[in-house]
Amino acid sequence: MADPSEPAALRAASPFRLTLEQQRKRAKELLAALRAGEPAALQRLRSRHPRGAAAAPRLAEAQLVIARELGLPSWPWLAAHVAALEDSRARIRQGAPPPDGAVPTLHLRCGCDIAPGLREAGFVGAFLEYADPLCQGPVLPGADWLEARIDFLHQSYSAGTGLDQAAIAARRQREEAALLAAADHPRVVLWFEQDSYDQLLLARCLAAFAERPPARLELISPGHYPGGTRFIGLGQLPPEALRLLWAERVPVSAAMLALGQAAWAALRAPDPRPLAALAAGTPDLPQLGRALRRHCQELPWAGDGLGLSERLILQLLAEAPRSAGAVFHALMMEREPLPWMTDLIGQAVIEGLRRGGTPLLAGRFEGADRHWPREHLSLTPEGRAVLAGGRDRMALGPTPRWVGGVRIPGAAPCWRWDEQAGGVAWG
């Protein structure tokens, strides 16, 4: 039973707040289903157990399946992880010394989502939010790149955020100045997960710090976290998990800084070939390479002219018409290989499929609620034709857009992503 004297953040339910009692119960339920021959349970065993379905399933096999479904290699690893979480939670409850208390620290994050959690976890350092969806819209070379970003953010997101151009400009200029001044802190810790939203901003930060590094620069960059739902970002994690991640931070090396500089320059180039070359592998920052590849996949693909997000959305609607909110949820929780969108970005991608010379989506509202998640979407005949490979999206007059420094015009030829070759080509 939860201790009512605990802070609310330590009492709240979370799919990443695991207990052994909870998981033992799930393992016993799975074992019973396996022994009853339930098809869904047998499929879970086949997909997670190295030897597949056994003639006489045992509890240890069910426990292995449960551990692997949670993102851990074995039941002992699960037990150790739960013990570490409980120890971290106890330290918070008992008021243990701040994890970052020994050195004045600036925590830098591409959003404000973990700021309350850090405080609940006992961290005392300053916090800097540096947020700009570089994964969407123009990211141009030259000293005036920030002005182009401000214009894009105003045009694309003012309606959703309620901020006018002056407010957007003030925020981004304030964040940029704070980033450049961050080197004055004795220690800066970067909190960025695995997706292109985070990793492109990480590249920007590393490029800035390559010019003027702080005395200590460290990185926390998890690619996954054990839990009962898909790990999308650090903002999902409870305070005790954030405190545990502190032990996994690594010093940022000169090679990492150089790689950040290279990625920042390649992202802004009008020719995507250098970016695609970097995406082939970044050993010093493995998650950066995967994120760069995912970013390149937003270019029109060879053949149908769809970016990957566009294709996944059309595929979902080809299965069944559904609301925009349901499309976004399924995209993030099931289909997207490296979830990177905010809801506003998802809305913008959906709107892009409705606009241009030939819309690929149609929508209608039912009832008085006309907020975008409630709109019911379906494919147009042209959308079905493009998805089936019978038409090229770039021949149907799409609205021009940007992928970093690459402008995608409203017609071919353009830079395209070749998934089979893992590179880009003009055509």
Protein backbone atom coordinates (compact mmCIF):
# COMPACT_ATOMS: atom_id res chain seq x y z
CA MET A 1 0.00 0.00 0.00
CA ALA A 2 1.30 3.45 -0.84
CA ASP A 3 2.51 5.61 2.02
CA PRO A 4 0.16 8.65 2.22
CA SER A 5 3.07 10.74 3.54
CA GLU A 6 4.98 10.25 0.27
CA PRO A 7 4.99 13.06 -2.30
CA ALA A 8 2.23 12.71 -4.87
CA ALA A 9 4.75 11.94 -7.62
CA LEU A 10 5.87 8.86 -5.66
CA ARG A 11 2.29 7.65 -5.16
CA ALA A 12 1.00 8.15 -8.69
CA ALA A 13 0.52 5.10 -10.88
CA SER A 14 3.08 4.68 -13.66
CA PRO A 15 3.70 1.87 -16.15
CA PHE A 16 7.41 2.37 -15.38
CA ARG A 17 6.92 1.93 -11.64
CA LEU A 18 7.29 -1.86 -11.41
CA THR A 19 6.94 -4.18 -8.43
CA LEU A 20 7.88 -7.86 -8.18
CA GLU A 21 4.52 -8.69 -6.60
CA GLN A 22 2.76 -7.24 -9.62
CA GLN A 23 4.98 -9.07 -12.10
CA ARG A 24 4.81 -12.41 -10.25
CA LYS A 25 1.03 -12.22 -10.52
CA ARG A 26 1.27 -11.51 -14.25
CA ALA A 27 3.66 -14.45 -14.73
CA LYS A 28 1.29 -16.83 -12.92
CA GLU A 29 -1.62 -15.59 -15.04
CA LEU A 30 0.42 -16.14 -18.19
CA LEU A 31 1.42 -19.64 -17.05
CA ALA A 32 -2.22 -20.56 -16.49
CA ALA A 33 -3.12 -19.27 -19.96
CA LEU A 34 -0.24 -21.24 -21.49
CA ARG A 35 -1.31 -24.46 -19.80
CA ALA A 36 -4.85 -23.83 -21.04
CA GLY A 37 -3.50 -23.53 -24.57
CA GLU A 38 -4.79 -19.99 -25.16
CA PRO A 39 -3.52 -18.86 -28.60
CA ALA A 40 -2.57 -15.33 -27.50
CA ALA A 41 -0.49 -16.65 -24.61
CA LEU A 42 1.23 -19.22 -26.83
CA GLN A 43 2.08 -16.47 -29.32
CA ARG A 44 3.62 -14.38 -26.52
CA LEU A 45 5.77 -17.36 -25.55
CA ARG A 46 6.85 -18.04 -29.14
CA SER A 47 7.79 -14.42 -29.74
CA ARG A 48 9.74 -13.91 -26.50
CA HIS A 49 11.21 -17.27 -25.52
CA PRO A 50 14.38 -18.46 -27.33
CA ARG A 51 13.02 -22.03 -27.60
CA GLY A 52 9.45 -21.09 -28.45
CA ALA A 53 6.47 -22.91 -27.01
CA ALA A 54 7.28 -25.81 -24.69
CA ALA A 55 5.26 -28.99 -24.34
CA ALA A 56 4.79 -28.37 -20.62
CA PRO A 57 5.31 -24.66 -19.83
CA ARG A 58 6.92 -23.82 -16.49
CA LEU A 59 6.77 -20.71 -14.31
CA ALA A 60 10.36 -19.80 -15.19
CA GLU A 61 9.41 -19.64 -18.87
CA ALA A 62 6.44 -17.39 -18.15
CA GLN A 63 8.67 -15.17 -16.03
CA LEU A 64 11.16 -14.86 -18.88
CA VAL A 65 8.37 -13.76 -21.23
CA ILE A 66 7.17 -11.16 -18.75
CA ALA A 67 10.69 -9.78 -18.27
CA ARG A 68 11.30 -9.51 -21.99
CA GLU A 69 7.94 -7.87 -22.60
CA LEU A 70 9.01 -5.23 -20.10
CA GLY A 71 12.28 -4.68 -21.96
CA LEU A 72 14.67 -6.72 -19.81
CA PRO A 73 16.63 -9.84 -20.82
CA SER A 74 15.67 -12.11 -17.90
CA TRP A 75 13.73 -12.41 -14.66
CA PRO A 76 16.86 -11.83 -12.51
CA TRP A 77 17.45 -8.59 -14.43
CA LEU A 78 13.85 -7.62 -13.71
CA ALA A 79 14.29 -8.36 -10.01
CA ALA A 80 17.48 -6.29 -9.90
CA HIS A 81 15.80 -3.40 -11.72
CA VAL A 82 12.84 -3.42 -9.34
CA ALA A 83 15.20 -3.48 -6.35
CA ALA A 84 17.09 -0.50 -7.74
CA LEU A 85 13.84 1.41 -8.28
CA GLU A 86 12.73 0.68 -4.74
CA ASP A 87 16.09 1.80 -3.35
CA SER A 88 15.92 5.00 -5.40
CA ARG A 89 12.38 5.64 -4.18
CA ALA A 90 13.45 5.10 -0.57
CA ARG A 91 16.30 7.59 -0.97
CA ILE A 92 13.88 10.21 -2.23
CA ARG A 93 11.42 9.50 0.60
CA GLN A 94 14.20 9.68 3.22
CA GLY A 95 15.62 12.95 1.88
CA ALA A 96 18.98 11.58 0.78
CA PRO A 97 21.58 14.12 -0.42
CA PRO A 98 20.86 15.61 -3.85
CA PRO A 99 22.42 13.50 -6.63
CA ASP A 100 23.79 16.67 -8.27
CA GLY A 101 24.65 18.49 -5.06
CA ALA A 102 28.43 18.08 -5.15
CA VAL A 103 28.92 20.34 -8.20
CA PRO A 104 26.73 23.28 -9.30
CA THR A 105 24.84 21.77 -12.23
CA LEU A 106 22.73 22.91 -15.16
CA HIS A 107 20.30 20.29 -16.47
CA LEU A 108 19.61 20.89 -20.18
CA ARG A 109 16.58 19.30 -21.83
CA CYS A 110 14.58 19.78 -25.03
CA GLY A 111 11.42 20.50 -23.10
CA CYS A 112 10.16 21.08 -19.57
CA ASP A 113 8.68 17.61 -19.09
CA ILE A 114 11.22 16.27 -16.58
CA ALA A 115 11.75 19.48 -14.59
CA PRO A 116 9.12 18.61 -11.90
CA GLY A 117 10.36 15.01 -11.75
CA LEU A 118 13.93 16.12 -11.15
CA ARG A 119 12.81 18.27 -8.25
CA GLU A 120 10.74 15.41 -6.82
CA ALA A 121 13.78 13.14 -7.19
CA GLY A 122 15.89 15.51 -5.09
CA PHE A 123 17.94 17.27 -7.75
CA VAL A 124 18.82 20.88 -6.92
CA GLY A 125 20.60 22.11 -10.06
CA ALA A 126 19.30 24.76 -12.45
CA PHE A 127 17.18 23.71 -15.43
CA LEU A 128 17.33 24.97 -19.02
CA GLU A 129 14.66 24.16 -21.57
CA TYR A 130 16.00 24.34 -25.14
CA ALA A 131 13.17 23.27 -27.43
CA ASP A 132 12.70 23.71 -31.15
CA PRO A 133 11.36 20.90 -33.41
CA LEU A 134 14.33 20.85 -35.79
CA CYS A 135 12.91 17.55 -37.03
CA GLN A 136 10.36 19.58 -38.97
CA GLY A 137 10.64 22.66 -41.13
CA PRO A 138 13.66 24.58 -42.45
CA VAL A 139 17.01 24.40 -40.63
CA LEU A 140 19.17 26.57 -42.84
CA PRO A 141 22.87 27.39 -43.08
CA GLY A 142 24.04 30.89 -42.27
CA ALA A 143 23.94 33.18 -39.27
CA ASP A 144 20.25 33.99 -39.75
CA TRP A 145 19.05 30.39 -39.32
CA LEU A 146 17.24 31.28 -36.08
CA GLU A 147 15.12 33.92 -37.82
CA ALA A 148 13.98 31.32 -40.36
CA ARG A 149 13.05 28.99 -37.51
CA ILE A 150 11.04 31.71 -35.78
CA ASP A 151 9.11 32.40 -38.98
CA PHE A 152 8.39 28.69 -39.42
CA LEU A 153 7.27 28.21 -35.82
CA HIS A 154 4.98 31.22 -36.10
CA GLN A 155 3.41 30.08 -39.35
CA SER A 156 3.02 26.45 -38.26
CA TYR A 157 2.27 26.51 -34.55
CA SER A 158 0.94 29.87 -33.39
CA ALA A 159 -2.64 28.61 -33.58
CA GLY A 160 -1.81 25.54 -31.49
CA THR A 161 0.42 27.23 -28.91
CA GLY A 162 -1.36 30.56 -28.61
CA LEU A 163 1.96 32.39 -29.04
CA ASP A 164 2.35 35.20 -31.54
CA GLN A 165 5.54 35.79 -33.50
CA ALA A 166 6.95 38.22 -30.95
CA ALA A 167 6.49 35.70 -28.12
CA ILE A 168 8.01 32.89 -30.17
CA ALA A 169 10.97 35.08 -31.11
CA ALA A 170 11.53 36.13 -27.51
CA ARG A 171 11.45 32.53 -26.28
CA ARG A 172 13.79 31.16 -28.95
CA GLN A 173 16.25 34.05 -28.62
CA ARG A 174 16.25 33.62 -24.84
CA GLU A 175 16.91 29.87 -25.16
CA GLU A 176 19.66 30.39 -27.71
CA ALA A 177 21.40 32.96 -25.52
CA ALA A 178 21.08 30.63 -22.52
CA LEU A 179 22.61 27.76 -24.50
CA LEU A 180 25.60 29.87 -25.48
CA ALA A 181 26.03 31.00 -21.87
CA ALA A 182 25.67 27.47 -20.46
CA ALA A 183 29.41 26.91 -20.71
CA ASP A 184 29.82 29.17 -17.67
CA HIS A 185 28.29 26.47 -15.46
CA PRO A 186 30.75 24.14 -13.73
CA ARG A 187 28.76 21.13 -14.94
CA VAL A 188 26.16 20.76 -17.70
CA VAL A 189 24.16 17.53 -18.00
CA LEU A 190 22.29 16.88 -21.25
CA TRP A 191 19.07 14.82 -21.01
CA PHE A 192 18.09 13.58 -24.50
CA GLU A 193 16.43 10.32 -25.53
CA GLN A 194 16.73 8.39 -28.78
CA ASP A 195 14.35 10.01 -31.27
CA SER A 196 15.04 12.58 -33.97
CA TYR A 197 13.33 15.40 -32.05
CA ASP A 198 15.86 14.99 -29.24
CA GLN A 199 18.91 13.91 -31.18
CA LEU A 200 18.81 16.79 -33.68
CA LEU A 201 18.62 19.23 -30.78
CA LEU A 202 21.45 17.33 -29.11
CA ALA A 203 23.52 17.88 -32.26
CA ARG A 204 22.80 21.61 -32.03
CA CYS A 205 23.87 21.69 -28.36
CA LEU A 206 27.05 19.70 -29.01
CA ALA A 207 27.95 22.01 -31.90
CA ALA A 208 27.57 25.00 -29.58
CA PHE A 209 29.63 23.38 -26.82
CA ALA A 210 32.34 22.37 -29.30
CA GLU A 211 33.05 26.09 -29.66
CA ARG A 212 33.10 26.71 -25.91
CA PRO A 213 32.77 23.65 -23.67
CA PRO A 214 31.88 23.80 -19.98
CA ALA A 215 34.31 22.41 -17.41
CA ARG A 216 32.23 19.23 -17.21
CA LEU A 217 29.78 18.14 -19.87
CA GLU A 218 27.83 14.89 -19.40
CA LEU A 219 25.10 13.07 -21.30
CA ILE A 220 22.11 10.95 -20.26
CA SER A 221 20.57 9.41 -23.37
CA PRO A 222 18.46 6.27 -22.82
CA GLY A 223 17.28 4.34 -25.84
CA HIS A 224 14.69 2.40 -23.84
CA TYR A 225 13.42 1.98 -20.30
CA PRO A 226 11.72 -1.09 -18.76
CA GLY A 227 8.02 -0.63 -18.33
CA GLY A 228 4.50 -1.72 -19.07
CA THR A 229 4.10 0.59 -22.04
CA ARG A 230 6.25 1.72 -24.93
CA PHE A 231 9.08 4.05 -23.88
CA ILE A 232 8.80 7.23 -25.93
CA GLY A 233 10.54 9.80 -23.78
CA LEU A 234 12.00 10.80 -20.44
CA GLY A 235 8.85 12.68 -19.53
CA GLN A 236 7.08 9.34 -19.00
CA LEU A 237 9.38 8.31 -16.15
CA PRO A 238 8.69 8.65 -12.42
CA PRO A 239 11.17 10.50 -10.18
CA GLU A 240 12.91 7.36 -8.92
CA ALA A 241 13.68 6.34 -12.51
CA LEU A 242 15.19 9.74 -13.28
CA ARG A 243 17.35 9.40 -10.19
CA LEU A 244 18.50 5.96 -11.36
CA LEU A 245 19.42 7.33 -14.79
CA TRP A 246 21.79 9.78 -13.12
CA ALA A 247 24.20 6.88 -12.54
CA GLU A 248 24.23 6.16 -16.29
CA ARG A 249 25.49 9.57 -17.41
CA VAL A 250 28.70 9.60 -19.44
CA PRO A 251 31.27 12.33 -20.08
CA VAL A 252 30.93 14.01 -23.48
CA SER A 253 34.19 13.38 -25.33
CA ALA A 254 35.94 15.46 -27.96
CA ALA A 255 34.81 12.89 -30.53
CA MET A 256 31.17 13.38 -29.48
CA LEU A 257 31.52 17.14 -29.80
CA ALA A 258 33.03 16.79 -33.27
CA LEU A 259 30.23 14.43 -34.28
CA GLY A 260 27.64 16.92 -33.05
CA GLN A 261 29.28 19.62 -35.16
CA ALA A 262 29.27 17.39 -38.23
CA ALA A 263 25.61 16.43 -37.74
CA TRP A 264 24.57 20.05 -37.22
CA ALA A 265 26.32 21.11 -40.43
CA ALA A 266 24.90 18.17 -42.42
CA LEU A 267 21.37 18.79 -41.12
CA ARG A 268 21.44 22.34 -42.50
CA ALA A 269 22.88 21.48 -45.92
CA PRO A 270 20.64 21.70 -49.02
CA ASP A 271 22.17 18.42 -50.23
CA PRO A 272 21.15 15.52 -47.91
CA ARG A 273 23.95 13.15 -48.94
CA PRO A 274 26.30 14.14 -46.08
CA LEU A 275 23.49 13.60 -43.59
CA ALA A 276 22.67 10.20 -45.08
CA ALA A 277 26.35 9.26 -44.88
CA LEU A 278 26.43 10.15 -41.16
CA ALA A 279 23.22 8.19 -40.63
CA ALA A 280 25.03 5.03 -41.74
CA GLY A 281 26.81 4.93 -38.37
CA THR A 282 27.86 7.16 -35.48
CA PRO A 283 29.76 4.88 -33.09
CA ASP A 284 30.53 7.62 -30.58
CA LEU A 285 26.82 8.50 -30.35
CA PRO A 286 24.97 5.40 -31.60
CA GLN A 287 21.49 6.84 -31.14
CA LEU A 288 22.36 9.88 -33.24
CA GLY A 289 22.92 7.75 -36.35
CA ARG A 290 19.57 6.01 -35.95
CA ALA A 291 17.82 9.34 -35.47
CA LEU A 292 19.53 10.85 -38.53
CA ARG A 293 18.39 7.89 -40.62
CA ARG A 294 14.85 8.34 -39.35
CA HIS A 295 15.05 12.03 -40.23
CA CYS A 296 16.20 11.19 -43.76
CA GLN A 297 13.22 8.86 -44.09
CA GLU A 298 10.98 11.95 -44.01
CA LEU A 299 12.26 12.80 -47.51
CA PRO A 300 10.00 11.61 -50.34
CA TRP A 301 10.76 7.96 -50.98
CA ALA A 302 11.82 6.59 -54.33
CA GLY A 303 8.73 5.21 -56.03
CA ASP A 304 5.73 6.68 -54.23
CA GLY A 305 7.06 10.08 -53.08
CA LEU A 306 5.77 9.67 -49.52
CA GLY A 307 7.79 10.38 -46.40
CA LEU A 308 7.71 7.58 -43.85
CA SER A 309 5.32 9.35 -41.47
CA GLU A 310 2.94 10.04 -44.36
CA ARG A 311 3.05 6.40 -45.43
CA LEU A 312 2.39 5.09 -41.92
CA ILE A 313 -0.61 7.40 -41.55
CA LEU A 314 -2.05 6.29 -44.89
CA GLN A 315 -1.51 2.64 -43.97
CA LEU A 316 -3.43 3.10 -40.73
CA LEU A 317 -6.33 4.69 -42.59
CA ALA A 318 -6.26 2.00 -45.29
CA GLU A 319 -7.02 -0.51 -42.53
CA ALA A 320 -10.01 1.51 -41.30
CA PRO A 321 -11.16 5.13 -41.17
CA ARG A 322 -10.52 6.57 -37.72
CA SER A 323 -10.22 9.87 -35.90
CA ALA A 324 -7.09 11.99 -36.17
CA GLY A 325 -6.43 11.42 -32.48
CA ALA A 326 -6.66 7.65 -32.92
CA VAL A 327 -4.30 7.84 -35.89
CA PHE A 328 -1.76 9.78 -33.85
CA HIS A 329 -2.00 7.39 -30.90
CA ALA A 330 -1.58 4.29 -33.07
CA LEU A 331 1.31 5.92 -34.91
CA MET A 332 3.23 6.70 -31.73
CA MET A 333 2.44 3.57 -29.74
CA GLU A 334 2.48 0.93 -32.48
CA ARG A 335 3.70 1.86 -35.95
CA GLU A 336 6.39 4.53 -35.71
CA PRO A 337 9.80 2.82 -35.46
CA LEU A 338 11.37 5.73 -33.55
CA PRO A 339 8.60 7.92 -32.08
CA TRP A 340 9.52 11.58 -32.52
CA MET A 341 6.34 13.59 -32.97
CA THR A 342 4.49 15.92 -30.66
CA ASP A 343 0.75 16.16 -31.17
CA LEU A 344 1.20 19.48 -33.01
CA ILE A 345 3.71 17.89 -35.38
CA GLY A 346 1.33 15.00 -35.96
CA GLN A 347 -1.45 17.43 -36.76
CA ALA A 348 0.83 19.25 -39.24
CA VAL A 349 1.73 16.01 -41.06
CA ILE A 350 -1.93 15.04 -41.31
CA GLU A 351 -2.81 18.48 -42.61
CA GLY A 352 -0.04 18.20 -45.20
CA LEU A 353 -1.72 15.09 -46.60
CA ARG A 354 -4.99 17.01 -46.95
CA ARG A 355 -3.49 19.97 -48.77
CA GLY A 356 -1.83 20.55 -52.11
CA GLY A 357 -3.09 19.96 -55.59
CA THR A 358 -4.51 16.52 -54.86
CA PRO A 359 -5.47 15.69 -51.25
CA LEU A 360 -4.74 12.15 -50.11
CA LEU A 361 -7.04 12.39 -47.06
CA ALA A 362 -10.59 13.52 -46.48
CA GLY A 363 -12.06 14.48 -43.12
CA ARG A 364 -15.36 15.21 -41.42
CA PHE A 365 -16.51 16.13 -37.94
CA GLU A 366 -19.38 14.56 -36.06
CA GLY A 367 -21.01 16.76 -33.47
CA ALA A 368 -20.04 20.13 -32.09
CA ASP A 369 -16.49 19.25 -30.99
CA ARG A 370 -14.29 20.37 -33.87
CA HIS A 371 -10.88 20.00 -32.26
CA TRP A 372 -8.49 18.26 -34.64
CA PRO A 373 -8.21 14.94 -32.72
CA ARG A 374 -11.98 14.46 -33.20
CA GLU A 375 -11.95 14.73 -36.97
CA HIS A 376 -12.73 11.46 -38.72
CA LEU A 377 -10.24 10.74 -41.51
CA SER A 378 -10.37 8.49 -44.54
CA LEU A 379 -8.34 7.95 -47.70
CA THR A 380 -9.26 9.59 -50.97
CA PRO A 381 -9.01 7.46 -54.14
CA GLU A 382 -5.74 9.25 -54.91
CA GLY A 383 -4.48 8.40 -51.43
CA ARG A 384 -5.19 4.73 -52.04
CA ALA A 385 -3.46 4.89 -55.41
CA VAL A 386 -0.31 6.47 -53.96
CA LEU A 387 -0.23 3.99 -51.08
CA ALA A 388 -0.57 1.10 -53.53
CA GLY A 389 2.37 2.42 -55.56
CA GLY A 390 0.26 3.32 -58.58
CA ARG A 391 0.86 7.06 -58.32
CA ASP A 392 3.80 9.24 -57.32
CA ARG A 393 2.93 11.70 -54.57
CA MET A 394 5.35 14.21 -56.12
CA ALA A 395 3.27 14.21 -59.34
CA LEU A 396 0.13 15.29 -57.45
CA GLY A 397 1.22 18.78 -56.39
CA PRO A 398 2.04 18.39 -52.68
CA THR A 399 2.55 21.51 -50.60
CA PRO A 400 6.29 22.36 -50.54
CA ARG A 401 8.00 21.50 -47.27
CA TRP A 402 11.44 21.29 -45.68
CA VAL A 403 13.45 18.42 -44.20
CA GLY A 404 16.25 20.27 -42.44
CA GLY A 405 18.15 22.20 -45.07
CA VAL A 406 16.51 20.31 -47.93
CA ARG A 407 13.55 21.96 -49.63
CA ILE A 408 10.99 19.53 -51.02
CA PRO A 409 9.24 21.34 -53.89
CA GLY A 410 5.69 20.81 -55.08
CA ALA A 411 6.80 18.61 -57.97
CA ALA A 412 9.61 16.28 -59.03
CA PRO A 413 12.54 16.19 -59.40
CA CYS A 414 13.66 16.34 -55.78
CA TRP A 415 15.90 14.56 -53.31
CA ARG A 416 14.46 11.17 -52.42
CA TRP A 417 15.21 8.51 -49.85
CA ASP A 418 16.10 5.04 -51.15
CA GLU A 419 15.24 2.65 -48.35
CA GLN A 420 16.82 -0.38 -49.98
CA ALA A 421 20.15 1.38 -50.53
CA GLY A 422 19.97 3.33 -47.28
CA GLY A 423 20.85 6.56 -49.07
CA VAL A 424 19.50 9.46 -51.09
CA ALA A 425 19.25 10.17 -54.80
CA TRP A 426 17.94 12.93 -57.04
CA GLY A 427 14.93 12.17 -59.14
